[in-house]
Amino acid sequence: MRRETQTLIFLLLPAGIFFAGFFLIPMAELFVIGGSGDRGWAAYAAIITDANYFETLIATLGVATATTIVTLIISGITGVFLQRHKFPGNATLVAMLTFPLAFPGVVIGFMVIMLAGRQGLIGQVSMALGGDRIVFAYSMAGLFMGYVYFSIPRTILTVMAAAEKLDPKLEEAARSLGASPMRVVFDVIIPGLKPAFISAGAICFATAVGAFGTAFTLATRINVLPMVIYTEFTLAANIAMAAALSFVLGAVTWIVLALARTAAGATVAAAG
């Protein structure tokens, strides 16, 4: 037994060193720096007590929540359809839908500008139809569009992998008992995919909360936490406040992922 314990420790030691060196120690240092400014440890409460920081937090969580909901709806419907219906060009369509995984946030930001910017396609079309130029790339709506765009690919892949394991006999049994197509969806398919939805939704939410590249590219009228942290660090030289906000942002993200992992403990109803 002692030898097995020593072997286990030996095997886990590299992971422990990596975890300590790249997570525990940096986070501890960040926490200490956050309390070393003019505000002291009150800097951690400033995100709630300071109206500017609090509004930024609400905006960040709001756009991340909206991104998660819309992404899950689009990816859920598309992922199940693509997994259940094989047709010529299916693989090509999946590849095209997942292609944005190769784009960094800055590139996605420029794509949003090309679509909804001052010289974007949407504005040109709206003017051609006799209306005003529609421009929303540099607002929260543009950021939301960019977040949804880069969130859909990874969510679709997760849903497709989960849908492949669903037992079709459960749906057949529901139909044989008189369930309508919508009842099958809400009573069989969605509950069966619930763990995948929770896991994918948590990752989508965490990514949208902390994404910087897209927000930086569109940051004319965008006030989200990653941009505030960048501003505090570079323009205001308020390193302590930037560290405190970074720690809070990381803590919120970690809590969401931890809760999602707990809630998604069950597996999908797999075919046997």
C-alpha atoms as a PDB file:
ATOM      1  CA  MET A   1       0.000   0.000   0.000  1.00  0.00           C
ATOM      2  CA  ARG A   2       2.834   2.356   0.842  1.00  0.00           C
ATOM      3  CA  ARG A   3       4.477   1.644  -2.484  1.00  0.00           C
ATOM      4  CA  GLU A   4       1.244   2.390  -4.326  1.00  0.00           C
ATOM      5  CA  THR A   5       0.975   5.698  -2.475  1.00  0.00           C
ATOM      6  CA  GLN A   6       4.545   6.616  -3.402  1.00  0.00           C
ATOM      7  CA  THR A   7       3.849   5.739  -7.042  1.00  0.00           C
ATOM      8  CA  LEU A   8       0.695   7.862  -7.014  1.00  0.00           C
ATOM      9  CA  ILE A   9       2.580  10.821  -5.535  1.00  0.00           C
ATOM     10  CA  PHE A  10       5.335  10.413  -8.109  1.00  0.00           C
ATOM     11  CA  LEU A  11       2.822  10.418 -10.955  1.00  0.00           C
ATOM     12  CA  LEU A  12       0.894  13.418  -9.630  1.00  0.00           C
ATOM     13  CA  LEU A  13       3.984  15.452  -8.758  1.00  0.00           C
ATOM     14  CA  PRO A  14       4.503  16.951 -12.272  1.00  0.00           C
ATOM     15  CA  ALA A  15       0.852  18.006 -12.442  1.00  0.00           C
ATOM     16  CA  GLY A  16       1.081  19.473  -8.936  1.00  0.00           C
ATOM     17  CA  ILE A  17       4.196  21.455  -9.796  1.00  0.00           C
ATOM     18  CA  PHE A  18       2.593  22.759 -12.993  1.00  0.00           C
ATOM     19  CA  PHE A  19      -0.620  23.690 -11.143  1.00  0.00           C
ATOM     20  CA  ALA A  20       1.303  25.492  -8.406  1.00  0.00           C
ATOM     21  CA  GLY A  21       3.665  27.286 -10.780  1.00  0.00           C
ATOM     22  CA  PHE A  22       1.094  28.440 -13.316  1.00  0.00           C
ATOM     23  CA  PHE A  23      -2.008  28.913 -11.159  1.00  0.00           C
ATOM     24  CA  LEU A  24      -1.630  28.964  -7.370  1.00  0.00           C
ATOM     25  CA  ILE A  25       1.481  31.127  -7.138  1.00  0.00           C
ATOM     26  CA  PRO A  26       0.404  33.681  -9.812  1.00  0.00           C
ATOM     27  CA  MET A  27      -3.093  33.944  -8.304  1.00  0.00           C
ATOM     28  CA  ALA A  28      -1.654  34.421  -4.814  1.00  0.00           C
ATOM     29  CA  GLU A  29       0.691  37.116  -6.110  1.00  0.00           C
ATOM     30  CA  LEU A  30      -2.202  38.778  -7.941  1.00  0.00           C
ATOM     31  CA  PHE A  31      -4.288  38.733  -4.756  1.00  0.00           C
ATOM     32  CA  VAL A  32      -1.514  40.373  -2.727  1.00  0.00           C
ATOM     33  CA  ILE A  33      -0.888  43.051  -5.366  1.00  0.00           C
ATOM     34  CA  GLY A  34      -4.615  43.811  -5.464  1.00  0.00           C
ATOM     35  CA  GLY A  35      -4.532  44.820  -1.798  1.00  0.00           C
ATOM     36  CA  SER A  36      -1.364  46.895  -2.025  1.00  0.00           C
ATOM     37  CA  GLY A  37      -2.814  50.046  -3.602  1.00  0.00           C
ATOM     38  CA  ASP A  38      -4.273  53.242  -2.167  1.00  0.00           C
ATOM     39  CA  ARG A  39      -7.602  51.525  -1.496  1.00  0.00           C
ATOM     40  CA  GLY A  40      -5.929  48.666   0.367  1.00  0.00           C
ATOM     41  CA  TRP A  41      -7.985  45.507   0.640  1.00  0.00           C
ATOM     42  CA  ALA A  42     -11.104  47.579  -0.010  1.00  0.00           C
ATOM     43  CA  ALA A  43     -10.158  47.382  -3.679  1.00  0.00           C
ATOM     44  CA  TYR A  44     -11.847  43.986  -3.787  1.00  0.00           C
ATOM     45  CA  ALA A  45     -15.117  45.511  -2.618  1.00  0.00           C
ATOM     46  CA  ALA A  46     -14.822  48.408  -5.076  1.00  0.00           C
ATOM     47  CA  ILE A  47     -16.282  46.304  -7.861  1.00  0.00           C
ATOM     48  CA  ILE A  48     -19.575  46.482  -5.935  1.00  0.00           C
ATOM     49  CA  THR A  49     -19.297  49.770  -4.055  1.00  0.00           C
ATOM     50  CA  ASP A  50     -17.918  51.827  -6.964  1.00  0.00           C
ATOM     51  CA  ALA A  51     -20.719  52.588  -9.432  1.00  0.00           C
ATOM     52  CA  ASN A  52     -18.443  52.582 -12.486  1.00  0.00           C
ATOM     53  CA  TYR A  53     -16.916  49.196 -11.721  1.00  0.00           C
ATOM     54  CA  PHE A  54     -20.290  47.743 -10.721  1.00  0.00           C
ATOM     55  CA  GLU A  55     -21.957  48.879 -13.958  1.00  0.00           C
ATOM     56  CA  THR A  56     -19.059  47.364 -15.874  1.00  0.00           C
ATOM     57  CA  LEU A  57     -19.474  44.070 -14.001  1.00  0.00           C
ATOM     58  CA  ILE A  58     -23.212  43.985 -14.766  1.00  0.00           C
ATOM     59  CA  ALA A  59     -22.562  44.758 -18.440  1.00  0.00           C
ATOM     60  CA  THR A  60     -19.914  42.028 -18.628  1.00  0.00           C
ATOM     61  CA  LEU A  61     -22.123  39.411 -16.999  1.00  0.00           C
ATOM     62  CA  GLY A  62     -25.092  40.535 -19.081  1.00  0.00           C
ATOM     63  CA  VAL A  63     -23.398  40.193 -22.462  1.00  0.00           C
ATOM     64  CA  ALA A  64     -21.855  36.870 -21.381  1.00  0.00           C
ATOM     65  CA  THR A  65     -25.262  35.532 -20.292  1.00  0.00           C
ATOM     66  CA  ALA A  66     -26.958  36.668 -23.509  1.00  0.00           C
ATOM     67  CA  THR A  67     -24.129  35.147 -25.546  1.00  0.00           C
ATOM     68  CA  THR A  68     -24.479  31.842 -23.707  1.00  0.00           C
ATOM     69  CA  ILE A  69     -28.259  31.636 -24.154  1.00  0.00           C
ATOM     70  CA  VAL A  70     -28.240  32.501 -27.862  1.00  0.00           C
ATOM     71  CA  THR A  71     -25.258  30.243 -28.546  1.00  0.00           C
ATOM     72  CA  LEU A  72     -26.891  27.257 -26.831  1.00  0.00           C
ATOM     73  CA  ILE A  73     -30.129  27.747 -28.775  1.00  0.00           C
ATOM     74  CA  ILE A  74     -28.404  28.031 -32.157  1.00  0.00           C
ATOM     75  CA  SER A  75     -25.812  25.335 -31.486  1.00  0.00           C
ATOM     76  CA  GLY A  76     -28.339  22.980 -29.903  1.00  0.00           C
ATOM     77  CA  ILE A  77     -30.689  23.019 -32.873  1.00  0.00           C
ATOM     78  CA  THR A  78     -27.893  22.963 -35.453  1.00  0.00           C
ATOM     79  CA  GLY A  79     -25.778  20.349 -33.672  1.00  0.00           C
ATOM     80  CA  VAL A  80     -28.615  17.841 -33.244  1.00  0.00           C
ATOM     81  CA  PHE A  81     -29.777  18.358 -36.833  1.00  0.00           C
ATOM     82  CA  LEU A  82     -26.302  17.856 -38.300  1.00  0.00           C
ATOM     83  CA  GLN A  83     -25.741  14.760 -36.184  1.00  0.00           C
ATOM     84  CA  ARG A  84     -29.111  13.188 -37.045  1.00  0.00           C
ATOM     85  CA  HIS A  85     -29.232  14.081 -40.748  1.00  0.00           C
ATOM     86  CA  LYS A  86     -26.379  12.982 -42.994  1.00  0.00           C
ATOM     87  CA  PHE A  87     -26.491  14.521 -46.460  1.00  0.00           C
ATOM     88  CA  PRO A  88     -24.015  15.376 -49.217  1.00  0.00           C
ATOM     89  CA  GLY A  89     -21.874  18.224 -47.982  1.00  0.00           C
ATOM     90  CA  ASN A  90     -22.600  17.534 -44.296  1.00  0.00           C
ATOM     91  CA  ALA A  91     -18.920  17.258 -43.400  1.00  0.00           C
ATOM     92  CA  THR A  92     -18.113  20.402 -45.382  1.00  0.00           C
ATOM     93  CA  LEU A  93     -20.855  22.356 -43.617  1.00  0.00           C
ATOM     94  CA  VAL A  94     -19.606  21.200 -40.192  1.00  0.00           C
ATOM     95  CA  ALA A  95     -16.074  22.223 -41.165  1.00  0.00           C
ATOM     96  CA  MET A  96     -17.292  25.679 -42.238  1.00  0.00           C
ATOM     97  CA  LEU A  97     -19.265  26.145 -39.023  1.00  0.00           C
ATOM     98  CA  THR A  98     -16.271  25.229 -36.893  1.00  0.00           C
ATOM     99  CA  PHE A  99     -13.752  27.208 -38.952  1.00  0.00           C
ATOM    100  CA  PRO A 100     -13.965  30.291 -36.663  1.00  0.00           C
ATOM    101  CA  LEU A 101     -12.104  28.257 -34.039  1.00  0.00           C
ATOM    102  CA  ALA A 102      -8.965  29.184 -35.977  1.00  0.00           C
ATOM    103  CA  PHE A 103      -9.602  32.942 -35.646  1.00  0.00           C
ATOM    104  CA  PRO A 104      -8.197  35.020 -32.773  1.00  0.00           C
ATOM    105  CA  GLY A 105     -10.443  37.597 -31.134  1.00  0.00           C
ATOM    106  CA  VAL A 106      -8.866  40.518 -33.007  1.00  0.00           C
ATOM    107  CA  VAL A 107      -9.720  38.962 -36.380  1.00  0.00           C
ATOM    108  CA  ILE A 108     -13.301  38.360 -35.272  1.00  0.00           C
ATOM    109  CA  GLY A 109     -13.505  41.987 -34.177  1.00  0.00           C
ATOM    110  CA  PHE A 110     -12.407  43.161 -37.624  1.00  0.00           C
ATOM    111  CA  MET A 111     -14.992  40.855 -39.216  1.00  0.00           C
ATOM    112  CA  VAL A 112     -17.713  42.463 -37.103  1.00  0.00           C
ATOM    113  CA  ILE A 113     -16.494  45.895 -38.243  1.00  0.00           C
ATOM    114  CA  MET A 114     -16.612  44.768 -41.881  1.00  0.00           C
ATOM    115  CA  LEU A 115     -20.189  43.623 -41.358  1.00  0.00           C
ATOM    116  CA  ALA A 116     -21.650  46.268 -39.053  1.00  0.00           C
ATOM    117  CA  GLY A 117     -19.064  49.070 -39.037  1.00  0.00           C
ATOM    118  CA  ARG A 118     -19.265  52.521 -40.600  1.00  0.00           C
ATOM    119  CA  GLN A 119     -18.392  51.114 -44.023  1.00  0.00           C
ATOM    120  CA  GLY A 120     -19.854  47.685 -43.295  1.00  0.00           C
ATOM    121  CA  LEU A 121     -22.157  45.576 -45.404  1.00  0.00           C
ATOM    122  CA  ILE A 122     -25.226  46.077 -43.188  1.00  0.00           C
ATOM    123  CA  GLY A 123     -24.873  49.866 -43.382  1.00  0.00           C
ATOM    124  CA  GLN A 124     -24.474  49.813 -47.160  1.00  0.00           C
ATOM    125  CA  VAL A 125     -27.545  47.607 -47.575  1.00  0.00           C
ATOM    126  CA  SER A 126     -29.651  49.780 -45.249  1.00  0.00           C
ATOM    127  CA  MET A 127     -28.708  52.897 -47.234  1.00  0.00           C
ATOM    128  CA  ALA A 128     -29.397  51.162 -50.535  1.00  0.00           C
ATOM    129  CA  LEU A 129     -32.889  50.388 -49.253  1.00  0.00           C
ATOM    130  CA  GLY A 130     -33.485  54.068 -48.572  1.00  0.00           C
ATOM    131  CA  GLY A 131     -32.887  54.100 -44.839  1.00  0.00           C
ATOM    132  CA  ASP A 132     -30.163  55.414 -42.556  1.00  0.00           C
ATOM    133  CA  ARG A 133     -26.774  53.762 -42.286  1.00  0.00           C
ATOM    134  CA  ILE A 134     -27.012  51.089 -39.591  1.00  0.00           C
ATOM    135  CA  VAL A 135     -23.824  50.924 -37.516  1.00  0.00           C
ATOM    136  CA  PHE A 136     -23.555  48.886 -34.320  1.00  0.00           C
ATOM    137  CA  ALA A 137     -20.123  47.247 -34.514  1.00  0.00           C
ATOM    138  CA  TYR A 138     -18.648  49.571 -31.884  1.00  0.00           C
ATOM    139  CA  SER A 139     -21.312  48.919 -29.254  1.00  0.00           C
ATOM    140  CA  MET A 140     -22.334  46.077 -26.950  1.00  0.00           C
ATOM    141  CA  ALA A 141     -24.443  44.730 -29.826  1.00  0.00           C
ATOM    142  CA  GLY A 142     -21.324  44.381 -31.967  1.00  0.00           C
ATOM    143  CA  LEU A 143     -19.448  42.732 -29.111  1.00  0.00           C
ATOM    144  CA  PHE A 144     -22.374  40.365 -28.603  1.00  0.00           C
ATOM    145  CA  MET A 145     -22.285  39.428 -32.295  1.00  0.00           C
ATOM    146  CA  GLY A 146     -18.564  38.706 -32.112  1.00  0.00           C
ATOM    147  CA  TYR A 147     -18.910  36.612 -28.960  1.00  0.00           C
ATOM    148  CA  VAL A 148     -21.723  34.526 -30.453  1.00  0.00           C
ATOM    149  CA  TYR A 149     -19.692  34.031 -33.612  1.00  0.00           C
ATOM    150  CA  PHE A 150     -16.690  32.534 -31.860  1.00  0.00           C
ATOM    151  CA  SER A 151     -18.787  30.635 -29.272  1.00  0.00           C
ATOM    152  CA  ILE A 152     -20.944  28.675 -31.708  1.00  0.00           C
ATOM    153  CA  PRO A 153     -18.218  26.402 -33.207  1.00  0.00           C
ATOM    154  CA  ARG A 154     -17.021  24.786 -29.968  1.00  0.00           C
ATOM    155  CA  THR A 155     -20.588  24.479 -28.681  1.00  0.00           C
ATOM    156  CA  ILE A 156     -21.769  22.762 -31.860  1.00  0.00           C
ATOM    157  CA  LEU A 157     -18.999  20.187 -31.570  1.00  0.00           C
ATOM    158  CA  THR A 158     -19.941  19.461 -27.952  1.00  0.00           C
ATOM    159  CA  VAL A 159     -23.630  19.088 -28.813  1.00  0.00           C
ATOM    160  CA  MET A 160     -22.898  16.833 -31.788  1.00  0.00           C
ATOM    161  CA  ALA A 161     -20.722  14.551 -29.661  1.00  0.00           C
ATOM    162  CA  ALA A 162     -23.454  14.317 -27.017  1.00  0.00           C
ATOM    163  CA  ALA A 163     -26.253  13.831 -29.555  1.00  0.00           C
ATOM    164  CA  GLU A 164     -24.377  10.891 -31.054  1.00  0.00           C
ATOM    165  CA  LYS A 165     -24.675   9.059 -27.723  1.00  0.00           C
ATOM    166  CA  LEU A 166     -28.395   9.650 -27.247  1.00  0.00           C
ATOM    167  CA  ASP A 167     -30.428   6.459 -27.311  1.00  0.00           C
ATOM    168  CA  PRO A 168     -32.973   6.749 -30.183  1.00  0.00           C
ATOM    169  CA  LYS A 169     -35.106   4.073 -28.501  1.00  0.00           C
ATOM    170  CA  LEU A 170     -36.113   6.607 -25.851  1.00  0.00           C
ATOM    171  CA  GLU A 171     -37.508   8.907 -28.532  1.00  0.00           C
ATOM    172  CA  GLU A 172     -39.254   6.024 -30.265  1.00  0.00           C
ATOM    173  CA  ALA A 173     -40.833   4.997 -26.967  1.00  0.00           C
ATOM    174  CA  ALA A 174     -42.055   8.545 -26.354  1.00  0.00           C
ATOM    175  CA  ARG A 175     -43.598   8.741 -29.822  1.00  0.00           C
ATOM    176  CA  SER A 176     -45.273   5.349 -29.396  1.00  0.00           C
ATOM    177  CA  LEU A 177     -46.907   6.684 -26.225  1.00  0.00           C
ATOM    178  CA  GLY A 178     -48.386   9.577 -28.165  1.00  0.00           C
ATOM    179  CA  ALA A 179     -45.847  12.327 -27.476  1.00  0.00           C
ATOM    180  CA  SER A 180     -45.810  15.128 -30.028  1.00  0.00           C
ATOM    181  CA  PRO A 181     -42.507  16.141 -31.696  1.00  0.00           C
ATOM    182  CA  MET A 182     -42.214  19.132 -29.344  1.00  0.00           C
ATOM    183  CA  ARG A 183     -42.809  16.921 -26.287  1.00  0.00           C
ATOM    184  CA  VAL A 184     -40.084  14.586 -27.500  1.00  0.00           C
ATOM    185  CA  VAL A 185     -37.720  17.519 -27.786  1.00  0.00           C
ATOM    186  CA  PHE A 186     -38.490  18.969 -24.346  1.00  0.00           C
ATOM    187  CA  ASP A 187     -38.962  15.692 -22.453  1.00  0.00           C
ATOM    188  CA  VAL A 188     -36.346  13.451 -24.074  1.00  0.00           C
ATOM    189  CA  ILE A 189     -33.743  15.239 -26.193  1.00  0.00           C
ATOM    190  CA  ILE A 190     -33.098  18.325 -24.044  1.00  0.00           C
ATOM    191  CA  PRO A 191     -32.887  16.394 -20.732  1.00  0.00           C
ATOM    192  CA  GLY A 192     -30.590  13.875 -22.418  1.00  0.00           C
ATOM    193  CA  LEU A 193     -28.312  16.665 -23.620  1.00  0.00           C
ATOM    194  CA  LYS A 194     -28.499  18.625 -20.364  1.00  0.00           C
ATOM    195  CA  PRO A 195     -24.949  17.759 -19.184  1.00  0.00           C
ATOM    196  CA  ALA A 196     -23.526  18.798 -22.556  1.00  0.00           C
ATOM    197  CA  PHE A 197     -25.539  22.034 -22.537  1.00  0.00           C
ATOM    198  CA  ILE A 198     -24.366  22.897 -19.025  1.00  0.00           C
ATOM    199  CA  SER A 199     -20.712  22.156 -19.775  1.00  0.00           C
ATOM    200  CA  ALA A 200     -20.701  23.959 -23.112  1.00  0.00           C
ATOM    201  CA  GLY A 201     -22.688  26.864 -21.660  1.00  0.00           C
ATOM    202  CA  ALA A 202     -20.235  27.289 -18.784  1.00  0.00           C
ATOM    203  CA  ILE A 203     -17.271  27.387 -21.151  1.00  0.00           C
ATOM    204  CA  CYS A 204     -19.119  29.812 -23.409  1.00  0.00           C
ATOM    205  CA  PHE A 205     -19.940  32.066 -20.454  1.00  0.00           C
ATOM    206  CA  ALA A 206     -16.405  31.968 -19.061  1.00  0.00           C
ATOM    207  CA  THR A 207     -14.917  32.741 -22.463  1.00  0.00           C
ATOM    208  CA  ALA A 208     -17.254  35.686 -23.034  1.00  0.00           C
ATOM    209  CA  VAL A 209     -16.559  37.106 -19.561  1.00  0.00           C
ATOM    210  CA  GLY A 210     -12.803  37.134 -20.056  1.00  0.00           C
ATOM    211  CA  ALA A 211     -12.430  37.675 -23.813  1.00  0.00           C
ATOM    212  CA  PHE A 212     -10.228  40.664 -24.603  1.00  0.00           C
ATOM    213  CA  GLY A 213      -9.183  40.661 -28.280  1.00  0.00           C
ATOM    214  CA  THR A 214     -12.638  41.253 -29.742  1.00  0.00           C
ATOM    215  CA  ALA A 215     -13.528  43.900 -27.150  1.00  0.00           C
ATOM    216  CA  PHE A 216     -10.205  45.669 -27.723  1.00  0.00           C
ATOM    217  CA  THR A 217     -10.832  45.811 -31.480  1.00  0.00           C
ATOM    218  CA  LEU A 218     -14.355  47.215 -31.062  1.00  0.00           C
ATOM    219  CA  ALA A 219     -13.711  49.309 -27.951  1.00  0.00           C
ATOM    220  CA  THR A 220     -15.131  52.655 -29.045  1.00  0.00           C
ATOM    221  CA  ARG A 221     -18.177  52.511 -26.740  1.00  0.00           C
ATOM    222  CA  ILE A 222     -17.642  49.206 -24.982  1.00  0.00           C
ATOM    223  CA  ASN A 223     -17.117  49.030 -21.238  1.00  0.00           C
ATOM    224  CA  VAL A 224     -16.518  45.473 -20.056  1.00  0.00           C
ATOM    225  CA  LEU A 225     -14.209  44.222 -17.318  1.00  0.00           C
ATOM    226  CA  PRO A 226     -11.314  43.070 -19.546  1.00  0.00           C
ATOM    227  CA  MET A 227     -11.192  46.543 -21.123  1.00  0.00           C
ATOM    228  CA  VAL A 228     -11.398  48.268 -17.714  1.00  0.00           C
ATOM    229  CA  ILE A 229      -8.545  46.104 -16.438  1.00  0.00           C
ATOM    230  CA  TYR A 230      -6.485  47.012 -19.497  1.00  0.00           C
ATOM    231  CA  THR A 231      -7.238  50.717 -19.012  1.00  0.00           C
ATOM    232  CA  GLU A 232      -6.399  50.641 -15.301  1.00  0.00           C
ATOM    233  CA  PHE A 233      -3.111  48.878 -16.004  1.00  0.00           C
ATOM    234  CA  THR A 234      -1.880  50.805 -19.041  1.00  0.00           C
ATOM    235  CA  LEU A 235      -3.452  54.273 -19.028  1.00  0.00           C
ATOM    236  CA  ALA A 236      -4.093  54.900 -15.325  1.00  0.00           C
ATOM    237  CA  ALA A 237      -1.055  52.911 -14.136  1.00  0.00           C
ATOM    238  CA  ASN A 238      -3.257  51.637 -11.308  1.00  0.00           C
ATOM    239  CA  ILE A 239      -1.668  48.222 -11.080  1.00  0.00           C
ATOM    240  CA  ALA A 240      -3.243  47.329  -7.742  1.00  0.00           C
ATOM    241  CA  MET A 241      -6.800  47.988  -8.969  1.00  0.00           C
ATOM    242  CA  ALA A 242      -6.118  46.120 -12.192  1.00  0.00           C
ATOM    243  CA  ALA A 243      -4.875  43.162 -10.149  1.00  0.00           C
ATOM    244  CA  ALA A 244      -7.913  43.243  -7.858  1.00  0.00           C
ATOM    245  CA  LEU A 245     -10.321  43.348 -10.797  1.00  0.00           C
ATOM    246  CA  SER A 246      -8.402  40.543 -12.511  1.00  0.00           C
ATOM    247  CA  PHE A 247      -8.603  38.377  -9.403  1.00  0.00           C
ATOM    248  CA  VAL A 248     -12.351  38.976  -9.034  1.00  0.00           C
ATOM    249  CA  LEU A 249     -12.905  38.244 -12.722  1.00  0.00           C
ATOM    250  CA  GLY A 250     -10.924  35.003 -12.438  1.00  0.00           C
ATOM    251  CA  ALA A 251     -12.798  34.010  -9.281  1.00  0.00           C
ATOM    252  CA  VAL A 252     -16.200  34.575 -10.891  1.00  0.00           C
ATOM    253  CA  THR A 253     -15.178  32.523 -13.907  1.00  0.00           C
ATOM    254  CA  TRP A 254     -13.822  29.716 -11.740  1.00  0.00           C
ATOM    255  CA  ILE A 255     -17.007  29.592  -9.659  1.00  0.00           C
ATOM    256  CA  VAL A 256     -19.170  29.342 -12.774  1.00  0.00           C
ATOM    257  CA  LEU A 257     -17.047  26.505 -14.172  1.00  0.00           C
ATOM    258  CA  ALA A 258     -17.036  24.673 -10.827  1.00  0.00           C
ATOM    259  CA  LEU A 259     -20.814  24.930 -10.452  1.00  0.00           C
ATOM    260  CA  ALA A 260     -21.312  23.775 -14.035  1.00  0.00           C
ATOM    261  CA  ARG A 261     -19.055  20.785 -13.509  1.00  0.00           C
ATOM    262  CA  THR A 262     -21.079  19.802 -10.450  1.00  0.00           C
ATOM    263  CA  ALA A 263     -24.423  20.304 -12.215  1.00  0.00           C
ATOM    264  CA  ALA A 264     -23.293  18.398 -15.316  1.00  0.00           C
ATOM    265  CA  GLY A 265     -22.195  15.330 -13.381  1.00  0.00           C
ATOM    266  CA  ALA A 266     -24.706  13.080 -15.142  1.00  0.00           C
ATOM    267  CA  THR A 267     -23.994  11.638 -18.568  1.00  0.00           C
ATOM    268  CA  VAL A 268     -26.277  11.622 -21.587  1.00  0.00           C
ATOM    269  CA  ALA A 269     -28.732   8.840 -22.145  1.00  0.00           C
ATOM    270  CA  ALA A 270     -26.521   6.689 -24.303  1.00  0.00           C
ATOM    271  CA  ALA A 271     -27.472   3.923 -26.634  1.00  0.00           C
ATOM    272  CA  GLY A 272     -26.593   0.528 -25.281  1.00  0.00           C
END
